[in-house]
C-alpha atoms as a PDB file:
ATOM      1  CA  MET A   1     -13.560  -8.749 -25.404  1.00  0.00           C
ATOM      2  CA  PRO A   2     -11.333  -7.389 -22.596  1.00  0.00           C
ATOM      3  CA  PRO A   3     -10.468  -3.674 -22.690  1.00  0.00           C
ATOM      4  CA  VAL A   4      -7.355  -2.815 -24.670  1.00  0.00           C
ATOM      5  CA  SER A   5      -4.678  -0.886 -22.833  1.00  0.00           C
ATOM      6  CA  SER A   6      -2.527   1.564 -24.731  1.00  0.00           C
ATOM      7  CA  TRP A   7       0.410  -0.673 -23.805  1.00  0.00           C
ATOM      8  CA  ASP A   8      -1.110  -3.594 -25.745  1.00  0.00           C
ATOM      9  CA  LEU A   9      -0.248  -1.638 -28.885  1.00  0.00           C
ATOM     10  CA  PHE A  10       3.474  -1.787 -28.076  1.00  0.00           C
ATOM     11  CA  PRO A  11       5.141  -5.196 -27.652  1.00  0.00           C
ATOM     12  CA  PRO A  12       7.884  -5.368 -24.995  1.00  0.00           C
ATOM     13  CA  GLY A  13      11.040  -3.767 -26.316  1.00  0.00           C
ATOM     14  CA  HIS A  14       9.090  -1.314 -28.495  1.00  0.00           C
ATOM     15  CA  GLU A  15       7.268   0.820 -25.930  1.00  0.00           C
ATOM     16  CA  PRO A  16       7.445   4.618 -25.884  1.00  0.00           C
ATOM     17  CA  GLU A  17      10.532   6.039 -24.168  1.00  0.00           C
ATOM     18  CA  SER A  18       8.587   7.641 -21.311  1.00  0.00           C
ATOM     19  CA  ASP A  19       6.553   5.801 -18.698  1.00  0.00           C
ATOM     20  CA  PRO A  20       2.857   6.611 -18.175  1.00  0.00           C
ATOM     21  CA  ASP A  21       1.960   9.492 -15.871  1.00  0.00           C
ATOM     22  CA  THR A  22       1.329   7.796 -12.528  1.00  0.00           C
ATOM     23  CA  SER A  23      -0.243  10.934 -11.067  1.00  0.00           C
ATOM     24  CA  THR A  24      -3.415   9.956 -12.967  1.00  0.00           C
ATOM     25  CA  LEU A  25      -5.442   6.788 -12.414  1.00  0.00           C
ATOM     26  CA  GLY A  26      -5.468   6.056 -16.135  1.00  0.00           C
ATOM     27  CA  GLY A  27      -1.702   6.363 -16.325  1.00  0.00           C
ATOM     28  CA  LEU A  28      -1.298   4.145 -13.283  1.00  0.00           C
ATOM     29  CA  LEU A  29      -3.446   1.468 -14.894  1.00  0.00           C
ATOM     30  CA  ASP A  30      -1.356   1.747 -18.056  1.00  0.00           C
ATOM     31  CA  LEU A  31       1.843   1.256 -16.072  1.00  0.00           C
ATOM     32  CA  LEU A  32       0.349  -1.782 -14.340  1.00  0.00           C
ATOM     33  CA  ASP A  33      -0.537  -3.208 -17.760  1.00  0.00           C
ATOM     34  CA  ALA A  34       2.981  -2.526 -18.997  1.00  0.00           C
ATOM     35  CA  GLN A  35       4.489  -4.374 -16.051  1.00  0.00           C
ATOM     36  CA  VAL A  36       2.099  -7.295 -16.574  1.00  0.00           C
ATOM     37  CA  ALA A  37       3.094  -7.477 -20.231  1.00  0.00           C
ATOM     38  CA  LEU A  38       6.786  -7.479 -19.364  1.00  0.00           C
ATOM     39  CA  LEU A  39       6.454 -10.245 -16.772  1.00  0.00           C
ATOM     40  CA  VAL A  40       4.511 -12.370 -19.243  1.00  0.00           C
ATOM     41  CA  ASP A  41       6.963 -11.599 -22.046  1.00  0.00           C
ATOM     42  CA  VAL A  42      10.069 -12.892 -20.267  1.00  0.00           C
ATOM     43  CA  ALA A  43       8.181 -15.922 -18.940  1.00  0.00           C
ATOM     44  CA  THR A  44       6.886 -17.051 -22.322  1.00  0.00           C
ATOM     45  CA  GLY A  45       9.955 -17.138 -24.524  1.00  0.00           C
ATOM     46  CA  GLY A  46      10.118 -13.438 -25.343  1.00  0.00           C
ATOM     47  CA  SER A  47      12.764 -10.937 -24.272  1.00  0.00           C
ATOM     48  CA  ARG A  48      15.937 -11.945 -22.459  1.00  0.00           C
ATOM     49  CA  ILE A  49      15.855 -10.922 -18.810  1.00  0.00           C
ATOM     50  CA  ASP A  50      19.167  -9.080 -19.021  1.00  0.00           C
ATOM     51  CA  ASP A  51      17.789  -6.926 -21.856  1.00  0.00           C
ATOM     52  CA  VAL A  52      14.712  -5.685 -19.979  1.00  0.00           C
ATOM     53  CA  ASN A  53      15.518  -6.123 -16.288  1.00  0.00           C
ATOM     54  CA  ALA A  54      16.434  -2.466 -15.765  1.00  0.00           C
ATOM     55  CA  ARG A  55      13.098  -1.428 -17.272  1.00  0.00           C
ATOM     56  CA  TYR A  56      11.232  -3.715 -14.889  1.00  0.00           C
ATOM     57  CA  THR A  57      13.025  -2.427 -11.787  1.00  0.00           C
ATOM     58  CA  ARG A  58      12.491   1.210 -12.812  1.00  0.00           C
ATOM     59  CA  ARG A  59       8.805   0.618 -13.368  1.00  0.00           C
ATOM     60  CA  ARG A  60       8.557  -1.304 -10.104  1.00  0.00           C
ATOM     61  CA  ARG A  61       9.723   1.733  -8.146  1.00  0.00           C
ATOM     62  CA  LEU A  62       7.283   4.016  -9.947  1.00  0.00           C
ATOM     63  CA  LEU A  63       4.352   1.628  -9.780  1.00  0.00           C
ATOM     64  CA  ASP A  64       4.763   0.569  -6.161  1.00  0.00           C
ATOM     65  CA  SER A  65       5.185   4.135  -4.920  1.00  0.00           C
ATOM     66  CA  ALA A  66       2.137   5.405  -6.809  1.00  0.00           C
ATOM     67  CA  LEU A  67      -0.021   2.477  -5.673  1.00  0.00           C
ATOM     68  CA  ARG A  68       0.950   2.941  -2.034  1.00  0.00           C
ATOM     69  CA  ASN A  69       0.092   6.626  -2.233  1.00  0.00           C
ATOM     70  CA  ARG A  70      -3.436   5.624  -3.236  1.00  0.00           C
ATOM     71  CA  GLY A  71      -3.736   2.844  -0.657  1.00  0.00           C
ATOM     72  CA  VAL A  72      -3.702   0.113  -3.307  1.00  0.00           C
ATOM     73  CA  PRO A  73      -1.918  -3.203  -2.630  1.00  0.00           C
ATOM     74  CA  VAL A  74       1.343  -3.732  -4.493  1.00  0.00           C
ATOM     75  CA  PRO A  75       0.834  -6.625  -6.945  1.00  0.00           C
ATOM     76  CA  PHE A  76       4.300  -8.031  -7.629  1.00  0.00           C
ATOM     77  CA  PRO A  77       6.769  -8.932  -4.854  1.00  0.00           C
ATOM     78  CA  PHE A  78       9.678  -9.570  -7.241  1.00  0.00           C
ATOM     79  CA  GLU A  79      12.661  -7.257  -6.826  1.00  0.00           C
ATOM     80  CA  ASP A  80      13.733  -7.999 -10.376  1.00  0.00           C
ATOM     81  CA  LEU A  81      12.954 -10.364 -13.244  1.00  0.00           C
ATOM     82  CA  TRP A  82      15.450 -12.934 -12.014  1.00  0.00           C
ATOM     83  CA  ALA A  83      13.402 -13.177  -8.827  1.00  0.00           C
ATOM     84  CA  TRP A  84      10.293 -13.680 -10.987  1.00  0.00           C
ATOM     85  CA  ARG A  85      12.089 -16.490 -12.866  1.00  0.00           C
ATOM     86  CA  GLY A  86      13.063 -18.137  -9.586  1.00  0.00           C
ATOM     87  CA  TYR A  87       9.470 -17.849  -8.391  1.00  0.00           C
ATOM     88  CA  TRP A  88       7.852 -19.532 -11.380  1.00  0.00           C
ATOM     89  CA  GLN A  89      10.423 -22.329 -11.244  1.00  0.00           C
ATOM     90  CA  ALA A  90       9.934 -22.877  -7.502  1.00  0.00           C
ATOM     91  CA  GLN A  91       6.141 -22.841  -7.939  1.00  0.00           C
ATOM     92  CA  GLY A  92       6.280 -25.460 -10.682  1.00  0.00           C
ATOM     93  CA  LEU A  93       4.735 -23.180 -13.308  1.00  0.00           C
ATOM     94  CA  GLY A  94       6.025 -25.250 -16.184  1.00  0.00           C
ATOM     95  CA  THR A  95       3.758 -23.942 -18.952  1.00  0.00           C
ATOM     96  CA  TYR A  96       3.432 -20.528 -20.529  1.00  0.00           C
ATOM     97  CA  GLN A  97      -0.285 -20.552 -19.757  1.00  0.00           C
ATOM     98  CA  SER A  98       0.292 -21.195 -16.049  1.00  0.00           C
ATOM     99  CA  ARG A  99       2.727 -18.260 -15.881  1.00  0.00           C
ATOM    100  CA  ARG A 100       0.307 -15.949 -17.664  1.00  0.00           C
ATOM    101  CA  GLN A 101      -2.412 -17.026 -15.262  1.00  0.00           C
ATOM    102  CA  ARG A 102      -0.228 -16.380 -12.205  1.00  0.00           C
ATOM    103  CA  VAL A 103       0.633 -12.860 -13.373  1.00  0.00           C
ATOM    104  CA  ALA A 104      -3.071 -12.193 -13.901  1.00  0.00           C
ATOM    105  CA  GLU A 105      -3.845 -13.477 -10.397  1.00  0.00           C
ATOM    106  CA  LEU A 106      -1.136 -11.344  -8.803  1.00  0.00           C
ATOM    107  CA  SER A 107      -2.302  -8.180 -10.556  1.00  0.00           C
ATOM    108  CA  HIS A 108      -6.023  -8.782 -10.016  1.00  0.00           C
ATOM    109  CA  SER A 109      -6.471  -7.004  -6.669  1.00  0.00           C
ATOM    110  CA  ALA A 110      -4.535  -3.905  -7.717  1.00  0.00           C
ATOM    111  CA  ARG A 111      -6.416  -3.703 -11.014  1.00  0.00           C
ATOM    112  CA  GLU A 112      -9.792  -4.010  -9.308  1.00  0.00           C
ATOM    113  CA  ALA A 113      -8.886  -1.330  -6.777  1.00  0.00           C
ATOM    114  CA  LEU A 114      -7.682   1.085  -9.472  1.00  0.00           C
ATOM    115  CA  GLU A 115     -10.748   0.500 -11.620  1.00  0.00           C
ATOM    116  CA  ALA A 116     -12.969   1.134  -8.597  1.00  0.00           C
ATOM    117  CA  LEU A 117     -11.115   4.367  -7.891  1.00  0.00           C
ATOM    118  CA  LEU A 118     -11.379   5.356 -11.547  1.00  0.00           C
ATOM    119  CA  THR A 119     -15.123   4.737 -11.516  1.00  0.00           C
ATOM    120  CA  GLY A 120     -15.560   6.659  -8.285  1.00  0.00           C
ATOM    121  CA  ALA A 121     -13.436   9.528  -9.568  1.00  0.00           C
ATOM    122  CA  GLN A 122     -16.092  10.356 -12.153  1.00  0.00           C
ATOM    123  CA  VAL A 123     -18.342  11.801  -9.424  1.00  0.00           C
ATOM    124  CA  SER A 124     -16.544  13.552  -6.592  1.00  0.00           C
ATOM    125  CA  ASP A 125     -17.167  15.932  -3.732  1.00  0.00           C
ATOM    126  CA  PRO A 126     -14.457  18.626  -3.863  1.00  0.00           C
ATOM    127  CA  GLY A 127     -15.234  19.629  -0.302  1.00  0.00           C
ATOM    128  CA  ALA A 128     -14.225  16.178   0.943  1.00  0.00           C
ATOM    129  CA  GLU A 129     -11.023  15.898  -1.071  1.00  0.00           C
ATOM    130  CA  GLY A 130      -8.088  14.674   0.938  1.00  0.00           C
ATOM    131  CA  LEU A 131     -10.151  13.678   3.985  1.00  0.00           C
ATOM    132  CA  PRO A 132      -9.856  10.037   5.013  1.00  0.00           C
ATOM    133  CA  SER A 133     -12.794   7.828   5.930  1.00  0.00           C
ATOM    134  CA  TRP A 134     -13.127   4.627   7.914  1.00  0.00           C
ATOM    135  CA  ALA A 135     -14.074   2.790   4.711  1.00  0.00           C
ATOM    136  CA  GLU A 136     -10.843   3.953   3.061  1.00  0.00           C
ATOM    137  CA  LEU A 137      -8.838   2.942   6.112  1.00  0.00           C
ATOM    138  CA  ASP A 138     -10.427  -0.508   5.977  1.00  0.00           C
ATOM    139  CA  GLN A 139      -9.142  -0.901   2.419  1.00  0.00           C
ATOM    140  CA  ARG A 140      -5.692   0.290   3.412  1.00  0.00           C
ATOM    141  CA  VAL A 141      -5.543  -2.109   6.342  1.00  0.00           C
ATOM    142  CA  THR A 142      -6.173  -4.860   3.813  1.00  0.00           C
ATOM    143  CA  GLY A 143      -3.312  -3.364   1.819  1.00  0.00           C
ATOM    144  CA  ILE A 144      -0.979  -3.735   4.816  1.00  0.00           C
ATOM    145  CA  VAL A 145      -1.733  -7.449   4.942  1.00  0.00           C
ATOM    146  CA  ALA A 146      -1.055  -7.826   1.210  1.00  0.00           C
ATOM    147  CA  GLU A 147       2.122  -5.757   1.448  1.00  0.00           C
ATOM    148  CA  LEU A 148       3.545  -7.943   4.205  1.00  0.00           C
ATOM    149  CA  ALA A 149       2.596 -11.145   2.398  1.00  0.00           C
ATOM    150  CA  GLY A 150       4.540 -10.039  -0.685  1.00  0.00           C
ATOM    151  CA  ALA A 151       7.523  -8.517   1.112  1.00  0.00           C
ATOM    152  CA  GLN A 152      10.875 -10.103   0.301  1.00  0.00           C
ATOM    153  CA  SER A 153      13.586  -7.509   0.800  1.00  0.00           C
ATOM    154  CA  ARG A 154      14.374  -5.186   3.689  1.00  0.00           C
ATOM    155  CA  ASP A 155      13.063  -2.284   1.597  1.00  0.00           C
ATOM    156  CA  ASP A 156       9.778  -4.151   1.177  1.00  0.00           C
ATOM    157  CA  LEU A 157       9.537  -4.658   4.936  1.00  0.00           C
ATOM    158  CA  GLN A 158      10.244  -0.981   5.552  1.00  0.00           C
ATOM    159  CA  ASP A 159       7.427  -0.166   3.130  1.00  0.00           C
ATOM    160  CA  VAL A 160       5.132  -2.133   5.461  1.00  0.00           C
ATOM    161  CA  GLY A 161       6.189   0.251   8.232  1.00  0.00           C
ATOM    162  CA  ARG A 162       5.518   3.276   6.033  1.00  0.00           C
ATOM    163  CA  ARG A 163       2.062   1.999   5.193  1.00  0.00           C
ATOM    164  CA  CYS A 164       1.331   1.355   8.893  1.00  0.00           C
ATOM    165  CA  ARG A 165       2.454   4.857   9.819  1.00  0.00           C
ATOM    166  CA  GLU A 166       0.327   6.449   7.086  1.00  0.00           C
ATOM    167  CA  VAL A 167      -2.755   4.519   8.216  1.00  0.00           C
ATOM    168  CA  LEU A 168      -2.241   5.667  11.815  1.00  0.00           C
ATOM    169  CA  ILE A 169      -1.768   9.264  10.650  1.00  0.00           C
ATOM    170  CA  ASP A 170      -5.055   9.173   8.753  1.00  0.00           C
ATOM    171  CA  ALA A 171      -6.788   7.554  11.708  1.00  0.00           C
ATOM    172  CA  ALA A 172      -5.600  10.505  13.812  1.00  0.00           C
ATOM    173  CA  LYS A 173      -6.995  12.915  11.209  1.00  0.00           C
ATOM    174  CA  LEU A 174     -10.372  11.212  11.477  1.00  0.00           C
ATOM    175  CA  LEU A 175     -10.363  11.481  15.264  1.00  0.00           C
ATOM    176  CA  ALA A 176      -8.881  14.974  15.694  1.00  0.00           C
ATOM    177  CA  ASP A 177     -11.564  17.140  17.273  1.00  0.00           C
ATOM    178  CA  PRO A 178     -11.012  20.427  19.134  1.00  0.00           C
ATOM    179  CA  ASP A 179     -13.817  19.423  21.526  1.00  0.00           C
ATOM    180  CA  LEU A 180     -11.528  16.711  22.890  1.00  0.00           C
ATOM    181  CA  VAL A 181      -9.053  19.285  24.179  1.00  0.00           C
ATOM    182  CA  PRO A 182      -9.670  20.248  27.828  1.00  0.00           C
ATOM    183  CA  GLU A 183     -10.447  23.902  28.417  1.00  0.00           C
ATOM    184  CA  GLY A 184      -7.328  25.938  29.008  1.00  0.00           C
ATOM    185  CA  THR A 185      -5.149  23.358  27.228  1.00  0.00           C
ATOM    186  CA  GLU A 186      -3.484  24.016  23.894  1.00  0.00           C
ATOM    187  CA  ALA A 187      -4.625  21.722  21.112  1.00  0.00           C
ATOM    188  CA  PRO A 188      -1.973  19.611  19.350  1.00  0.00           C
ATOM    189  CA  LYS A 189      -0.709  20.877  16.026  1.00  0.00           C
ATOM    190  CA  ALA A 190      -2.679  19.613  13.065  1.00  0.00           C
ATOM    191  CA  ALA A 191       0.233  17.532  11.772  1.00  0.00           C
ATOM    192  CA  ASP A 192       1.030  15.929  15.153  1.00  0.00           C
ATOM    193  CA  ALA A 193      -0.807  12.638  14.658  1.00  0.00           C
ATOM    194  CA  LYS A 194       0.650  10.948  17.726  1.00  0.00           C
ATOM    195  CA  ALA A 195      -0.439  13.820  19.991  1.00  0.00           C
ATOM    196  CA  TRP A 196      -3.968  13.722  18.572  1.00  0.00           C
ATOM    197  CA  LEU A 197      -4.174   9.975  19.190  1.00  0.00           C
ATOM    198  CA  ASP A 198      -3.053  10.572  22.772  1.00  0.00           C
ATOM    199  CA  GLN A 199      -5.669  13.336  23.122  1.00  0.00           C
ATOM    200  CA  PHE A 200      -8.416  11.106  21.742  1.00  0.00           C
ATOM    201  CA  LEU A 201      -7.530   8.260  24.107  1.00  0.00           C
ATOM    202  CA  ALA A 202      -7.370  10.575  27.093  1.00  0.00           C
ATOM    203  CA  ALA A 203     -10.925  11.693  26.320  1.00  0.00           C
ATOM    204  CA  ARG A 204     -12.490   8.408  25.189  1.00  0.00           C
ATOM    205  CA  ALA A 205     -10.578   5.900  27.330  1.00  0.00           C
ATOM    206  CA  PRO A 206      -9.789   7.738  30.580  1.00  0.00           C
ATOM    207  CA  GLY A 207      -8.978   6.402  34.020  1.00  0.00           C
ATOM    208  CA  ARG A 208      -6.875   3.630  35.503  1.00  0.00           C
ATOM    209  CA  THR A 209      -8.962   0.876  33.911  1.00  0.00           C
ATOM    210  CA  HIS A 210      -7.835   1.978  30.426  1.00  0.00           C
ATOM    211  CA  ARG A 211      -4.225   2.741  31.333  1.00  0.00           C
ATOM    212  CA  GLU A 212      -2.803  -0.195  29.353  1.00  0.00           C
ATOM    213  CA  LEU A 213      -4.892   0.716  26.306  1.00  0.00           C
ATOM    214  CA  ARG A 214      -3.605   4.281  26.349  1.00  0.00           C
ATOM    215  CA  ALA A 215      -0.045   2.941  26.594  1.00  0.00           C
ATOM    216  CA  PHE A 216      -0.462   0.419  23.768  1.00  0.00           C
ATOM    217  CA  VAL A 217      -1.385   2.843  20.990  1.00  0.00           C
ATOM    218  CA  PRO A 218       1.784   4.994  21.266  1.00  0.00           C
ATOM    219  CA  VAL A 219       3.881   1.813  21.340  1.00  0.00           C
ATOM    220  CA  ALA A 220       2.235   0.685  18.089  1.00  0.00           C
ATOM    221  CA  TRP A 221       3.082   4.090  16.592  1.00  0.00           C
ATOM    222  CA  ASP A 222       6.721   3.775  17.700  1.00  0.00           C
ATOM    223  CA  LEU A 223       6.894   0.270  16.237  1.00  0.00           C
ATOM    224  CA  ALA A 224       5.643   1.507  12.860  1.00  0.00           C
ATOM    225  CA  GLN A 225       8.277   4.251  12.979  1.00  0.00           C
ATOM    226  CA  LYS A 226      11.001   1.737  13.792  1.00  0.00           C
ATOM    227  CA  VAL A 227      10.040  -0.539  10.897  1.00  0.00           C
ATOM    228  CA  THR A 228       9.998   2.442   8.542  1.00  0.00           C
ATOM    229  CA  HIS A 229      13.488   3.630   9.431  1.00  0.00           C
ATOM    230  CA  GLY A 230      15.319   1.018  11.489  1.00  0.00           C
ATOM    231  CA  ASP A 231      17.415  -2.105  11.122  1.00  0.00           C
ATOM    232  CA  ILE A 232      14.542  -4.577  11.138  1.00  0.00           C
ATOM    233  CA  ASP A 233      13.508  -8.061  10.091  1.00  0.00           C
ATOM    234  CA  ARG A 234      10.247  -9.749   9.103  1.00  0.00           C
ATOM    235  CA  VAL A 235       9.186 -10.264  12.721  1.00  0.00           C
ATOM    236  CA  ASP A 236       9.346  -6.494  13.324  1.00  0.00           C
ATOM    237  CA  ALA A 237       7.270  -5.814  10.209  1.00  0.00           C
ATOM    238  CA  TYR A 238       4.744  -8.473  11.202  1.00  0.00           C
ATOM    239  CA  ALA A 239       4.431  -6.962  14.672  1.00  0.00           C
ATOM    240  CA  ALA A 240       3.945  -3.448  13.250  1.00  0.00           C
ATOM    241  CA  ALA A 241       1.307  -4.666  10.805  1.00  0.00           C
ATOM    242  CA  GLN A 242      -0.572  -6.640  13.453  1.00  0.00           C
ATOM    243  CA  ALA A 243      -0.402  -3.762  15.930  1.00  0.00           C
ATOM    244  CA  THR A 244      -1.682  -1.279  13.352  1.00  0.00           C
ATOM    245  CA  VAL A 245      -4.643  -3.487  12.466  1.00  0.00           C
ATOM    246  CA  LEU A 246      -5.500  -3.859  16.150  1.00  0.00           C
ATOM    247  CA  VAL A 247      -5.148  -0.131  16.869  1.00  0.00           C
ATOM    248  CA  VAL A 248      -7.402   0.829  13.957  1.00  0.00           C
ATOM    249  CA  ARG A 249     -10.074  -1.616  15.114  1.00  0.00           C
ATOM    250  CA  VAL A 250      -9.879  -0.357  18.715  1.00  0.00           C
ATOM    251  CA  LEU A 251     -10.111   3.268  17.578  1.00  0.00           C
ATOM    252  CA  GLN A 252     -13.160   2.403  15.505  1.00  0.00           C
ATOM    253  CA  GLN A 253     -14.783   0.955  18.622  1.00  0.00           C
ATOM    254  CA  LEU A 254     -14.004   4.097  20.624  1.00  0.00           C
ATOM    255  CA  ALA A 255     -15.013   6.559  17.913  1.00  0.00           C
ATOM    256  CA  PRO A 256     -18.406   8.264  18.411  1.00  0.00           C
END
């Protein structure tokens, strides 16, 4: 028998007034379950979309933000429940069972990632808290790909830029090393990720033969910044995502 979420006890339209606490992994899983239940409900003859659409969009903001903060792919690309209705019609999901199955497929990756985090959270190393690792960055690079694939609105595309920027920042944290700073030179500030990336490249990829490589990484950073804040389209977001993936892989090759 599958595990029972606390939200299974409350049919759509009868949930508690407050949303789960997304600062905890358990609460985040509960909110994911609640969103799954709502998508299934409106797609299988339950609530009218107009009656619950505001609830879905509120939860979407909470859920997506909390998932991104943990490097977990966002499961549902639908801005609202009308977009979900248009999707199942366009995809030819003519039966209730096929719609239930599609919601389960869309939520699968996020659920697996959260359950893995929840399992890992039972044994932790407080001394390592908050420090990124290459394994974590690998997962988050996968999240960039999923985020772009599900992006529909301009806000979604800008979220791709935010995710790219955060991955590059954590890559800089991994590579920041005072030993890279030449003697007599002031080290970059801890929060200056771009400067640390420049410092790392100057030390690990010096000389004229690596000039283009040293120039490419800052351009990828600027592209991620542009997609986060600028007037952009899907091509910009694609370029930022592709550049970020490439930069992370190159940095991994250069890392000691």
